[in-house]
All heavy atoms as atom14 arrays in JSON, in Angstrom:
{
  "sequence": "IIYGPLFNRNTSIIYEGKPIMTPDAGTTWRVIEQHKVSVMFTAPTAI",
  "atom14_mask": [
    [1, 1, 1, 1, 1, 1, 1, 1, 0, 0, 0, 0, 0, 0],
    [1, 1, 1, 1, 1, 1, 1, 1, 0, 0, 0, 0, 0, 0],
    [1, 1, 1, 1, 1, 1, 1, 1, 1, 1, 1, 1, 0, 0],
    [1, 1, 1, 1, 0, 0, 0, 0, 0, 0, 0, 0, 0, 0],
    [1, 1, 1, 1, 1, 1, 1, 0, 0, 0, 0, 0, 0, 0],
    [1, 1, 1, 1, 1, 1, 1, 1, 0, 0, 0, 0, 0, 0],
    [1, 1, 1, 1, 1, 1, 1, 1, 1, 1, 1, 0, 0, 0],
    [1, 1, 1, 1, 1, 1, 1, 1, 0, 0, 0, 0, 0, 0],
    [1, 1, 1, 1, 1, 1, 1, 1, 1, 1, 1, 0, 0, 0],
    [1, 1, 1, 1, 1, 1, 1, 1, 0, 0, 0, 0, 0, 0],
    [1, 1, 1, 1, 1, 1, 1, 0, 0, 0, 0, 0, 0, 0],
    [1, 1, 1, 1, 1, 1, 0, 0, 0, 0, 0, 0, 0, 0],
    [1, 1, 1, 1, 1, 1, 1, 1, 0, 0, 0, 0, 0, 0],
    [1, 1, 1, 1, 1, 1, 1, 1, 0, 0, 0, 0, 0, 0],
    [1, 1, 1, 1, 1, 1, 1, 1, 1, 1, 1, 1, 0, 0],
    [1, 1, 1, 1, 1, 1, 1, 1, 1, 0, 0, 0, 0, 0],
    [1, 1, 1, 1, 0, 0, 0, 0, 0, 0, 0, 0, 0, 0],
    [1, 1, 1, 1, 1, 1, 1, 1, 1, 0, 0, 0, 0, 0],
    [1, 1, 1, 1, 1, 1, 1, 0, 0, 0, 0, 0, 0, 0],
    [1, 1, 1, 1, 1, 1, 1, 1, 0, 0, 0, 0, 0, 0],
    [1, 1, 1, 1, 1, 1, 1, 1, 0, 0, 0, 0, 0, 0],
    [1, 1, 1, 1, 1, 1, 1, 0, 0, 0, 0, 0, 0, 0],
    [1, 1, 1, 1, 1, 1, 1, 0, 0, 0, 0, 0, 0, 0],
    [1, 1, 1, 1, 1, 1, 1, 1, 0, 0, 0, 0, 0, 0],
    [1, 1, 1, 1, 1, 0, 0, 0, 0, 0, 0, 0, 0, 0],
    [1, 1, 1, 1, 0, 0, 0, 0, 0, 0, 0, 0, 0, 0],
    [1, 1, 1, 1, 1, 1, 1, 0, 0, 0, 0, 0, 0, 0],
    [1, 1, 1, 1, 1, 1, 1, 0, 0, 0, 0, 0, 0, 0],
    [1, 1, 1, 1, 1, 1, 1, 1, 1, 1, 1, 1, 1, 1],
    [1, 1, 1, 1, 1, 1, 1, 1, 1, 1, 1, 0, 0, 0],
    [1, 1, 1, 1, 1, 1, 1, 0, 0, 0, 0, 0, 0, 0],
    [1, 1, 1, 1, 1, 1, 1, 1, 0, 0, 0, 0, 0, 0],
    [1, 1, 1, 1, 1, 1, 1, 1, 1, 0, 0, 0, 0, 0],
    [1, 1, 1, 1, 1, 1, 1, 1, 1, 0, 0, 0, 0, 0],
    [1, 1, 1, 1, 1, 1, 1, 1, 1, 1, 0, 0, 0, 0],
    [1, 1, 1, 1, 1, 1, 1, 1, 1, 0, 0, 0, 0, 0],
    [1, 1, 1, 1, 1, 1, 1, 0, 0, 0, 0, 0, 0, 0],
    [1, 1, 1, 1, 1, 1, 0, 0, 0, 0, 0, 0, 0, 0],
    [1, 1, 1, 1, 1, 1, 1, 0, 0, 0, 0, 0, 0, 0],
    [1, 1, 1, 1, 1, 1, 1, 1, 0, 0, 0, 0, 0, 0],
    [1, 1, 1, 1, 1, 1, 1, 1, 1, 1, 1, 0, 0, 0],
    [1, 1, 1, 1, 1, 1, 1, 0, 0, 0, 0, 0, 0, 0],
    [1, 1, 1, 1, 1, 0, 0, 0, 0, 0, 0, 0, 0, 0],
    [1, 1, 1, 1, 1, 1, 1, 0, 0, 0, 0, 0, 0, 0],
    [1, 1, 1, 1, 1, 1, 1, 0, 0, 0, 0, 0, 0, 0],
    [1, 1, 1, 1, 1, 0, 0, 0, 0, 0, 0, 0, 0, 0],
    [1, 1, 1, 1, 1, 1, 1, 1, 0, 0, 0, 0, 0, 0]
  ],
  "atom14_positions": [
    [[99.51, 126.6, 84.76], [100.59, 127.55, 84.72], [101.92, 126.8, 84.73], [102.77, 127.15, 83.96], [100.52, 128.46, 86.03], [99.18, 129.24, 86.0], [101.64, 129.49, 86.07], [98.94, 130.1, 87.23], [0.0, 0.0, 0.0], [0.0, 0.0, 0.0], [0.0, 0.0, 0.0], [0.0, 0.0, 0.0], [0.0, 0.0, 0.0], [0.0, 0.0, 0.0]],
    [[102.01, 125.8, 85.61], [103.33, 125.16, 85.8], [103.51, 124.05, 84.84], [104.53, 124.05, 84.15], [103.47, 124.75, 87.27], [103.33, 125.86, 88.27], [104.88, 124.06, 87.5], [104.26, 127.01, 88.04], [0.0, 0.0, 0.0], [0.0, 0.0, 0.0], [0.0, 0.0, 0.0], [0.0, 0.0, 0.0], [0.0, 0.0, 0.0], [0.0, 0.0, 0.0]],
    [[102.7, 123.06, 84.83], [103.04, 121.74, 84.12], [102.52, 121.7, 82.74], [103.24, 121.51, 81.8], [102.52, 120.63, 84.97], [103.27, 120.28, 86.22], [102.84, 120.55, 87.47], [104.68, 119.91, 86.14], [103.53, 120.29, 88.63], [105.39, 119.7, 87.29], [104.88, 119.85, 88.58], [105.56, 119.62, 89.69], [0.0, 0.0, 0.0], [0.0, 0.0, 0.0]],
    [[101.21, 121.79, 82.52], [100.58, 121.58, 81.22], [101.22, 122.31, 80.03], [101.57, 121.71, 78.98], [0.0, 0.0, 0.0], [0.0, 0.0, 0.0], [0.0, 0.0, 0.0], [0.0, 0.0, 0.0], [0.0, 0.0, 0.0], [0.0, 0.0, 0.0], [0.0, 0.0, 0.0], [0.0, 0.0, 0.0], [0.0, 0.0, 0.0], [0.0, 0.0, 0.0]],
    [[101.37, 123.66, 80.11], [101.97, 124.35, 79.0], [103.38, 123.87, 78.69], [103.71, 123.71, 77.52], [101.92, 125.85, 79.46], [100.88, 125.86, 80.49], [100.9, 124.56, 81.22], [0.0, 0.0, 0.0], [0.0, 0.0, 0.0], [0.0, 0.0, 0.0], [0.0, 0.0, 0.0], [0.0, 0.0, 0.0], [0.0, 0.0, 0.0], [0.0, 0.0, 0.0]],
    [[104.13, 123.65, 79.67], [105.54, 123.21, 79.43], [105.56, 121.73, 78.86], [106.42, 121.5, 78.04], [106.43, 123.27, 80.71], [107.18, 124.63, 80.91], [106.12, 125.75, 80.96], [107.96, 124.66, 82.11], [0.0, 0.0, 0.0], [0.0, 0.0, 0.0], [0.0, 0.0, 0.0], [0.0, 0.0, 0.0], [0.0, 0.0, 0.0], [0.0, 0.0, 0.0]],
    [[104.64, 120.89, 79.26], [104.57, 119.54, 78.64], [104.42, 119.71, 77.2], [104.92, 118.91, 76.41], [103.41, 118.7, 79.31], [103.7, 118.25, 80.66], [102.59, 117.82, 81.42], [104.96, 118.21, 81.28], [102.69, 117.44, 82.72], [105.07, 117.73, 82.62], [103.95, 117.34, 83.22], [0.0, 0.0, 0.0], [0.0, 0.0, 0.0], [0.0, 0.0, 0.0]],
    [[103.65, 120.7, 76.73], [103.35, 120.92, 75.32], [104.3, 121.87, 74.65], [104.11, 122.33, 73.54], [101.95, 121.33, 75.18], [101.41, 121.23, 73.73], [101.53, 120.14, 73.19], [100.74, 122.23, 73.15], [0.0, 0.0, 0.0], [0.0, 0.0, 0.0], [0.0, 0.0, 0.0], [0.0, 0.0, 0.0], [0.0, 0.0, 0.0], [0.0, 0.0, 0.0]],
    [[105.44, 122.26, 75.36], [106.33, 123.21, 74.85], [105.67, 124.52, 74.5], [105.99, 125.14, 73.52], [107.2, 122.74, 73.66], [108.42, 123.63, 73.43], [109.43, 122.99, 72.5], [108.85, 122.65, 71.23], [108.63, 123.41, 70.19], [108.68, 124.76, 70.35], [108.08, 122.9, 69.14], [0.0, 0.0, 0.0], [0.0, 0.0, 0.0], [0.0, 0.0, 0.0]],
    [[104.79, 124.97, 75.43], [104.21, 126.33, 75.23], [104.96, 127.27, 76.25], [105.43, 126.85, 77.2], [102.7, 126.26, 75.51], [102.01, 125.57, 74.53], [101.33, 124.5, 74.86], [101.97, 125.96, 73.27], [0.0, 0.0, 0.0], [0.0, 0.0, 0.0], [0.0, 0.0, 0.0], [0.0, 0.0, 0.0], [0.0, 0.0, 0.0], [0.0, 0.0, 0.0]],
    [[104.84, 128.58, 75.97], [105.24, 129.56, 76.86], [104.19, 129.89, 77.81], [103.03, 130.1, 77.38], [105.69, 130.85, 76.12], [106.78, 130.57, 75.27], [106.07, 131.97, 77.13], [0.0, 0.0, 0.0], [0.0, 0.0, 0.0], [0.0, 0.0, 0.0], [0.0, 0.0, 0.0], [0.0, 0.0, 0.0], [0.0, 0.0, 0.0], [0.0, 0.0, 0.0]],
    [[104.43, 129.81, 79.14], [103.45, 130.04, 80.18], [103.7, 131.41, 80.92], [104.82, 131.7, 81.17], [103.37, 128.89, 81.13], [102.44, 129.08, 82.15], [0.0, 0.0, 0.0], [0.0, 0.0, 0.0], [0.0, 0.0, 0.0], [0.0, 0.0, 0.0], [0.0, 0.0, 0.0], [0.0, 0.0, 0.0], [0.0, 0.0, 0.0], [0.0, 0.0, 0.0]],
    [[102.54, 132.05, 81.21], [102.65, 133.43, 81.93], [102.49, 133.16, 83.43], [101.43, 132.58, 83.89], [101.73, 134.37, 81.4], [102.16, 134.74, 79.92], [101.7, 135.61, 82.22], [101.27, 135.73, 79.22], [0.0, 0.0, 0.0], [0.0, 0.0, 0.0], [0.0, 0.0, 0.0], [0.0, 0.0, 0.0], [0.0, 0.0, 0.0], [0.0, 0.0, 0.0]],
    [[103.42, 133.69, 84.24], [103.27, 133.63, 85.65], [102.94, 135.22, 86.06], [103.83, 136.05, 85.9], [104.53, 133.31, 86.43], [104.87, 131.81, 86.08], [104.45, 133.46, 87.91], [106.24, 131.3, 86.66], [0.0, 0.0, 0.0], [0.0, 0.0, 0.0], [0.0, 0.0, 0.0], [0.0, 0.0, 0.0], [0.0, 0.0, 0.0], [0.0, 0.0, 0.0]],
    [[101.68, 135.42, 86.35], [101.25, 136.82, 86.55], [100.99, 137.09, 88.03], [100.17, 136.51, 88.65], [99.91, 137.02, 85.75], [99.4, 138.35, 85.86], [99.95, 139.46, 85.23], [98.09, 138.53, 86.62], [99.31, 140.78, 85.34], [97.57, 139.81, 86.69], [98.22, 140.96, 86.13], [97.61, 142.13, 86.27], [0.0, 0.0, 0.0], [0.0, 0.0, 0.0]],
    [[101.7, 138.11, 88.51], [101.57, 138.52, 89.85], [100.79, 139.92, 89.91], [101.31, 140.92, 89.86], [102.87, 138.75, 90.56], [102.84, 138.99, 92.11], [104.17, 139.2, 92.77], [105.07, 139.62, 91.99], [104.27, 138.88, 93.96], [0.0, 0.0, 0.0], [0.0, 0.0, 0.0], [0.0, 0.0, 0.0], [0.0, 0.0, 0.0], [0.0, 0.0, 0.0]],
    [[99.47, 139.72, 89.97], [98.63, 140.92, 89.9], [97.16, 140.51, 89.99], [96.81, 139.42, 90.19], [0.0, 0.0, 0.0], [0.0, 0.0, 0.0], [0.0, 0.0, 0.0], [0.0, 0.0, 0.0], [0.0, 0.0, 0.0], [0.0, 0.0, 0.0], [0.0, 0.0, 0.0], [0.0, 0.0, 0.0], [0.0, 0.0, 0.0], [0.0, 0.0, 0.0]],
    [[96.31, 141.45, 89.8], [94.83, 141.29, 89.88], [94.22, 141.61, 88.57], [94.76, 142.32, 87.71], [94.22, 142.11, 90.96], [94.75, 141.92, 92.38], [94.42, 140.55, 92.96], [94.92, 140.34, 94.33], [94.61, 138.98, 94.82], [0.0, 0.0, 0.0], [0.0, 0.0, 0.0], [0.0, 0.0, 0.0], [0.0, 0.0, 0.0], [0.0, 0.0, 0.0]],
    [[92.96, 141.21, 88.25], [92.32, 141.57, 87.08], [92.02, 143.02, 86.95], [91.87, 143.57, 85.85], [91.05, 140.73, 87.08], [91.15, 139.75, 88.13], [92.14, 140.19, 89.11], [0.0, 0.0, 0.0], [0.0, 0.0, 0.0], [0.0, 0.0, 0.0], [0.0, 0.0, 0.0], [0.0, 0.0, 0.0], [0.0, 0.0, 0.0], [0.0, 0.0, 0.0]],
    [[91.94, 143.68, 88.07], [91.74, 145.14, 88.12], [92.68, 145.77, 89.11], [93.4, 145.04, 89.96], [90.23, 145.47, 88.57], [89.97, 144.8, 89.91], [89.26, 145.01, 87.55], [88.57, 145.16, 90.45], [0.0, 0.0, 0.0], [0.0, 0.0, 0.0], [0.0, 0.0, 0.0], [0.0, 0.0, 0.0], [0.0, 0.0, 0.0], [0.0, 0.0, 0.0]],
    [[92.85, 147.05, 89.06], [93.7, 147.82, 90.01], [95.23, 147.63, 89.92], [95.9, 148.01, 90.72], [93.25, 147.55, 91.39], [91.83, 148.01, 91.73], [91.36, 148.02, 93.54], [91.53, 146.23, 93.88], [0.0, 0.0, 0.0], [0.0, 0.0, 0.0], [0.0, 0.0, 0.0], [0.0, 0.0, 0.0], [0.0, 0.0, 0.0], [0.0, 0.0, 0.0]],
    [[95.67, 146.8, 88.93], [97.1, 146.72, 88.77], [97.52, 147.06, 87.36], [98.04, 146.18, 86.67], [97.58, 145.25, 89.06], [96.79, 144.26, 88.42], [97.5, 145.05, 90.52], [0.0, 0.0, 0.0], [0.0, 0.0, 0.0], [0.0, 0.0, 0.0], [0.0, 0.0, 0.0], [0.0, 0.0, 0.0], [0.0, 0.0, 0.0], [0.0, 0.0, 0.0]],
    [[97.37, 148.28, 86.8], [96.84, 149.44, 87.57], [95.32, 149.63, 87.39], [94.7, 150.39, 88.1], [97.58, 150.57, 87.03], [97.8, 150.2, 85.53], [97.99, 148.7, 85.51], [0.0, 0.0, 0.0], [0.0, 0.0, 0.0], [0.0, 0.0, 0.0], [0.0, 0.0, 0.0], [0.0, 0.0, 0.0], [0.0, 0.0, 0.0], [0.0, 0.0, 0.0]],
    [[94.69, 149.02, 86.37], [93.33, 149.29, 86.03], [92.76, 148.02, 85.34], [93.44, 147.0, 85.27], [93.18, 150.5, 85.17], [94.01, 150.41, 83.95], [94.02, 149.37, 83.23], [94.73, 151.38, 83.66], [0.0, 0.0, 0.0], [0.0, 0.0, 0.0], [0.0, 0.0, 0.0], [0.0, 0.0, 0.0], [0.0, 0.0, 0.0], [0.0, 0.0, 0.0]],
    [[91.52, 148.08, 84.96], [90.77, 146.97, 84.3], [91.35, 146.6, 82.88], [90.98, 145.61, 82.38], [89.28, 147.26, 84.27], [0.0, 0.0, 0.0], [0.0, 0.0, 0.0], [0.0, 0.0, 0.0], [0.0, 0.0, 0.0], [0.0, 0.0, 0.0], [0.0, 0.0, 0.0], [0.0, 0.0, 0.0], [0.0, 0.0, 0.0], [0.0, 0.0, 0.0]],
    [[92.26, 147.46, 82.46], [92.84, 147.16, 81.09], [94.03, 146.23, 81.2], [94.62, 145.93, 80.13], [0.0, 0.0, 0.0], [0.0, 0.0, 0.0], [0.0, 0.0, 0.0], [0.0, 0.0, 0.0], [0.0, 0.0, 0.0], [0.0, 0.0, 0.0], [0.0, 0.0, 0.0], [0.0, 0.0, 0.0], [0.0, 0.0, 0.0], [0.0, 0.0, 0.0]],
    [[94.53, 145.85, 82.41], [95.69, 145.12, 82.56], [95.72, 143.76, 81.84], [96.71, 143.31, 81.3], [96.04, 144.94, 84.09], [97.4, 144.41, 84.16], [95.09, 144.0, 84.74], [0.0, 0.0, 0.0], [0.0, 0.0, 0.0], [0.0, 0.0, 0.0], [0.0, 0.0, 0.0], [0.0, 0.0, 0.0], [0.0, 0.0, 0.0], [0.0, 0.0, 0.0]],
    [[94.52, 143.19, 81.87], [94.4, 141.78, 81.09], [94.75, 141.93, 79.63], [95.42, 141.15, 79.1], [92.97, 141.26, 81.33], [92.75, 141.03, 82.75], [92.75, 139.99, 80.56], [0.0, 0.0, 0.0], [0.0, 0.0, 0.0], [0.0, 0.0, 0.0], [0.0, 0.0, 0.0], [0.0, 0.0, 0.0], [0.0, 0.0, 0.0], [0.0, 0.0, 0.0]],
    [[94.14, 143.04, 79.05], [94.37, 143.17, 77.65], [95.76, 143.65, 77.3], [96.38, 143.25, 76.27], [93.39, 144.17, 77.06], [92.02, 144.03, 77.68], [91.33, 144.96, 78.42], [91.2, 142.82, 77.74], [90.12, 144.42, 78.85], [90.01, 143.19, 78.46], [91.36, 141.51, 77.27], [89.06, 142.17, 78.74], [90.37, 140.59, 77.49], [89.28, 140.95, 78.24]],
    [[96.41, 144.29, 78.28], [97.83, 144.71, 78.13], [98.7, 143.44, 78.1], [99.58, 143.3, 77.22], [98.19, 145.63, 79.27], [99.57, 146.28, 79.17], [100.74, 145.51, 79.69], [100.56, 145.11, 81.16], [101.28, 144.26, 81.82], [102.26, 143.58, 81.15], [101.15, 144.02, 83.03], [0.0, 0.0, 0.0], [0.0, 0.0, 0.0], [0.0, 0.0, 0.0]],
    [[98.45, 142.51, 79.01], [99.25, 141.29, 79.14], [99.09, 140.46, 77.8], [100.03, 139.95, 77.25], [98.8, 140.43, 80.36], [99.52, 139.05, 80.25], [99.12, 141.15, 81.61], [0.0, 0.0, 0.0], [0.0, 0.0, 0.0], [0.0, 0.0, 0.0], [0.0, 0.0, 0.0], [0.0, 0.0, 0.0], [0.0, 0.0, 0.0], [0.0, 0.0, 0.0]],
    [[97.77, 140.39, 77.32], [97.47, 139.5, 76.08], [98.26, 140.1, 74.93], [98.85, 139.47, 74.15], [95.97, 139.53, 75.85], [95.3, 138.61, 76.92], [95.66, 139.01, 74.42], [93.76, 138.72, 76.92], [0.0, 0.0, 0.0], [0.0, 0.0, 0.0], [0.0, 0.0, 0.0], [0.0, 0.0, 0.0], [0.0, 0.0, 0.0], [0.0, 0.0, 0.0]],
    [[98.14, 141.49, 74.84], [98.74, 142.12, 73.64], [100.33, 142.14, 73.76], [101.01, 141.82, 72.81], [98.29, 143.62, 73.53], [98.86, 144.3, 72.33], [98.2, 145.67, 72.2], [97.74, 146.28, 73.09], [98.26, 146.17, 71.04], [0.0, 0.0, 0.0], [0.0, 0.0, 0.0], [0.0, 0.0, 0.0], [0.0, 0.0, 0.0], [0.0, 0.0, 0.0]],
    [[100.91, 142.47, 74.93], [102.27, 142.62, 75.04], [103.02, 141.27, 74.85], [104.09, 141.19, 74.29], [102.65, 143.18, 76.37], [104.14, 143.43, 76.62], [104.32, 144.22, 77.91], [103.45, 144.72, 78.58], [105.62, 144.39, 78.27], [0.0, 0.0, 0.0], [0.0, 0.0, 0.0], [0.0, 0.0, 0.0], [0.0, 0.0, 0.0], [0.0, 0.0, 0.0]],
    [[102.4, 140.23, 75.4], [103.02, 138.86, 75.38], [102.56, 137.93, 74.25], [102.95, 136.82, 74.25], [102.94, 138.21, 76.73], [103.51, 139.08, 77.84], [104.83, 139.63, 77.79], [102.98, 139.43, 79.04], [105.02, 140.3, 78.89], [103.94, 140.24, 79.67], [0.0, 0.0, 0.0], [0.0, 0.0, 0.0], [0.0, 0.0, 0.0], [0.0, 0.0, 0.0]],
    [[101.76, 138.51, 73.4], [101.23, 137.73, 72.24], [100.49, 136.42, 72.68], [100.91, 135.35, 72.16], [102.37, 137.44, 71.2], [103.18, 138.64, 70.81], [102.37, 139.46, 69.84], [103.23, 140.63, 69.18], [103.68, 141.57, 70.12], [0.0, 0.0, 0.0], [0.0, 0.0, 0.0], [0.0, 0.0, 0.0], [0.0, 0.0, 0.0], [0.0, 0.0, 0.0]],
    [[99.6, 136.53, 73.61], [98.93, 135.39, 74.16], [97.92, 134.82, 73.08], [97.08, 135.52, 72.57], [98.11, 135.75, 75.46], [97.24, 134.58, 75.94], [99.11, 136.28, 76.52], [0.0, 0.0, 0.0], [0.0, 0.0, 0.0], [0.0, 0.0, 0.0], [0.0, 0.0, 0.0], [0.0, 0.0, 0.0], [0.0, 0.0, 0.0], [0.0, 0.0, 0.0]],
    [[98.15, 133.45, 72.87], [97.22, 132.8, 71.89], [95.93, 132.35, 72.59], [94.9, 132.4, 71.89], [98.03, 131.59, 71.32], [99.14, 131.98, 70.51], [0.0, 0.0, 0.0], [0.0, 0.0, 0.0], [0.0, 0.0, 0.0], [0.0, 0.0, 0.0], [0.0, 0.0, 0.0], [0.0, 0.0, 0.0], [0.0, 0.0, 0.0], [0.0, 0.0, 0.0]],
    [[96.04, 131.76, 73.77], [94.93, 131.26, 74.48], [95.01, 131.68, 75.96], [96.01, 131.6, 76.55], [94.82, 129.74, 74.41], [93.66, 129.16, 75.15], [94.81, 129.28, 72.91], [0.0, 0.0, 0.0], [0.0, 0.0, 0.0], [0.0, 0.0, 0.0], [0.0, 0.0, 0.0], [0.0, 0.0, 0.0], [0.0, 0.0, 0.0], [0.0, 0.0, 0.0]],
    [[93.83, 132.08, 76.52], [93.78, 132.53, 77.88], [92.74, 131.62, 78.59], [91.66, 131.29, 78.08], [93.43, 134.0, 77.98], [93.31, 134.4, 79.47], [92.54, 136.1, 79.51], [92.76, 136.53, 81.26], [0.0, 0.0, 0.0], [0.0, 0.0, 0.0], [0.0, 0.0, 0.0], [0.0, 0.0, 0.0], [0.0, 0.0, 0.0], [0.0, 0.0, 0.0]],
    [[93.1, 131.31, 79.89], [92.16, 130.47, 80.75], [91.95, 131.4, 81.91], [92.88, 131.86, 82.55], [92.96, 129.24, 81.1], [92.17, 128.32, 82.08], [92.09, 126.92, 81.79], [91.6, 128.75, 83.25], [91.53, 126.08, 82.62], [90.95, 127.91, 84.11], [90.94, 126.57, 83.83], [0.0, 0.0, 0.0], [0.0, 0.0, 0.0], [0.0, 0.0, 0.0]],
    [[90.65, 131.73, 82.2], [90.32, 132.52, 83.4], [89.02, 132.16, 83.96], [88.37, 131.21, 83.4], [90.41, 134.03, 83.01], [90.36, 134.77, 84.33], [89.29, 134.49, 82.18], [0.0, 0.0, 0.0], [0.0, 0.0, 0.0], [0.0, 0.0, 0.0], [0.0, 0.0, 0.0], [0.0, 0.0, 0.0], [0.0, 0.0, 0.0], [0.0, 0.0, 0.0]],
    [[88.58, 132.76, 85.01], [87.35, 132.5, 85.69], [86.27, 133.52, 85.33], [86.63, 134.7, 85.12], [87.54, 132.44, 87.22], [0.0, 0.0, 0.0], [0.0, 0.0, 0.0], [0.0, 0.0, 0.0], [0.0, 0.0, 0.0], [0.0, 0.0, 0.0], [0.0, 0.0, 0.0], [0.0, 0.0, 0.0], [0.0, 0.0, 0.0], [0.0, 0.0, 0.0]],
    [[85.06, 133.11, 85.32], [84.06, 134.19, 85.03], [84.09, 135.32, 86.03], [83.73, 136.4, 85.68], [82.68, 133.35, 85.2], [83.1, 132.03, 84.95], [84.48, 131.79, 85.38], [0.0, 0.0, 0.0], [0.0, 0.0, 0.0], [0.0, 0.0, 0.0], [0.0, 0.0, 0.0], [0.0, 0.0, 0.0], [0.0, 0.0, 0.0], [0.0, 0.0, 0.0]],
    [[84.49, 135.05, 87.26], [84.52, 136.13, 88.32], [85.47, 137.24, 87.86], [85.18, 138.4, 88.05], [85.09, 135.55, 89.64], [84.53, 134.2, 89.9], [84.82, 136.44, 90.76], [0.0, 0.0, 0.0], [0.0, 0.0, 0.0], [0.0, 0.0, 0.0], [0.0, 0.0, 0.0], [0.0, 0.0, 0.0], [0.0, 0.0, 0.0], [0.0, 0.0, 0.0]],
    [[86.52, 136.81, 87.2], [87.54, 137.89, 86.71], [86.98, 138.7, 85.68], [87.07, 139.89, 85.69], [88.78, 137.18, 86.29], [0.0, 0.0, 0.0], [0.0, 0.0, 0.0], [0.0, 0.0, 0.0], [0.0, 0.0, 0.0], [0.0, 0.0, 0.0], [0.0, 0.0, 0.0], [0.0, 0.0, 0.0], [0.0, 0.0, 0.0], [0.0, 0.0, 0.0]],
    [[86.23, 138.08, 84.7], [85.63, 138.78, 83.62], [84.56, 139.75, 84.21], [84.45, 140.97, 83.76], [85.05, 137.87, 82.6], [86.12, 136.95, 81.99], [84.29, 138.63, 81.49], [87.17, 137.63, 81.21], [0.0, 0.0, 0.0], [0.0, 0.0, 0.0], [0.0, 0.0, 0.0], [0.0, 0.0, 0.0], [0.0, 0.0, 0.0], [0.0, 0.0, 0.0]]
  ]
}
């Protein structure tokens, strides 16, 4: 989040929320679509 993306001159997302309930389970796809995310890193637990 902090170092790696910026070392490579990528835009990094600081997300203050949960995979669900903020407001629903569609929030992940909303973030990806709205901010044109090329690559996402997450945990199996979130999926």
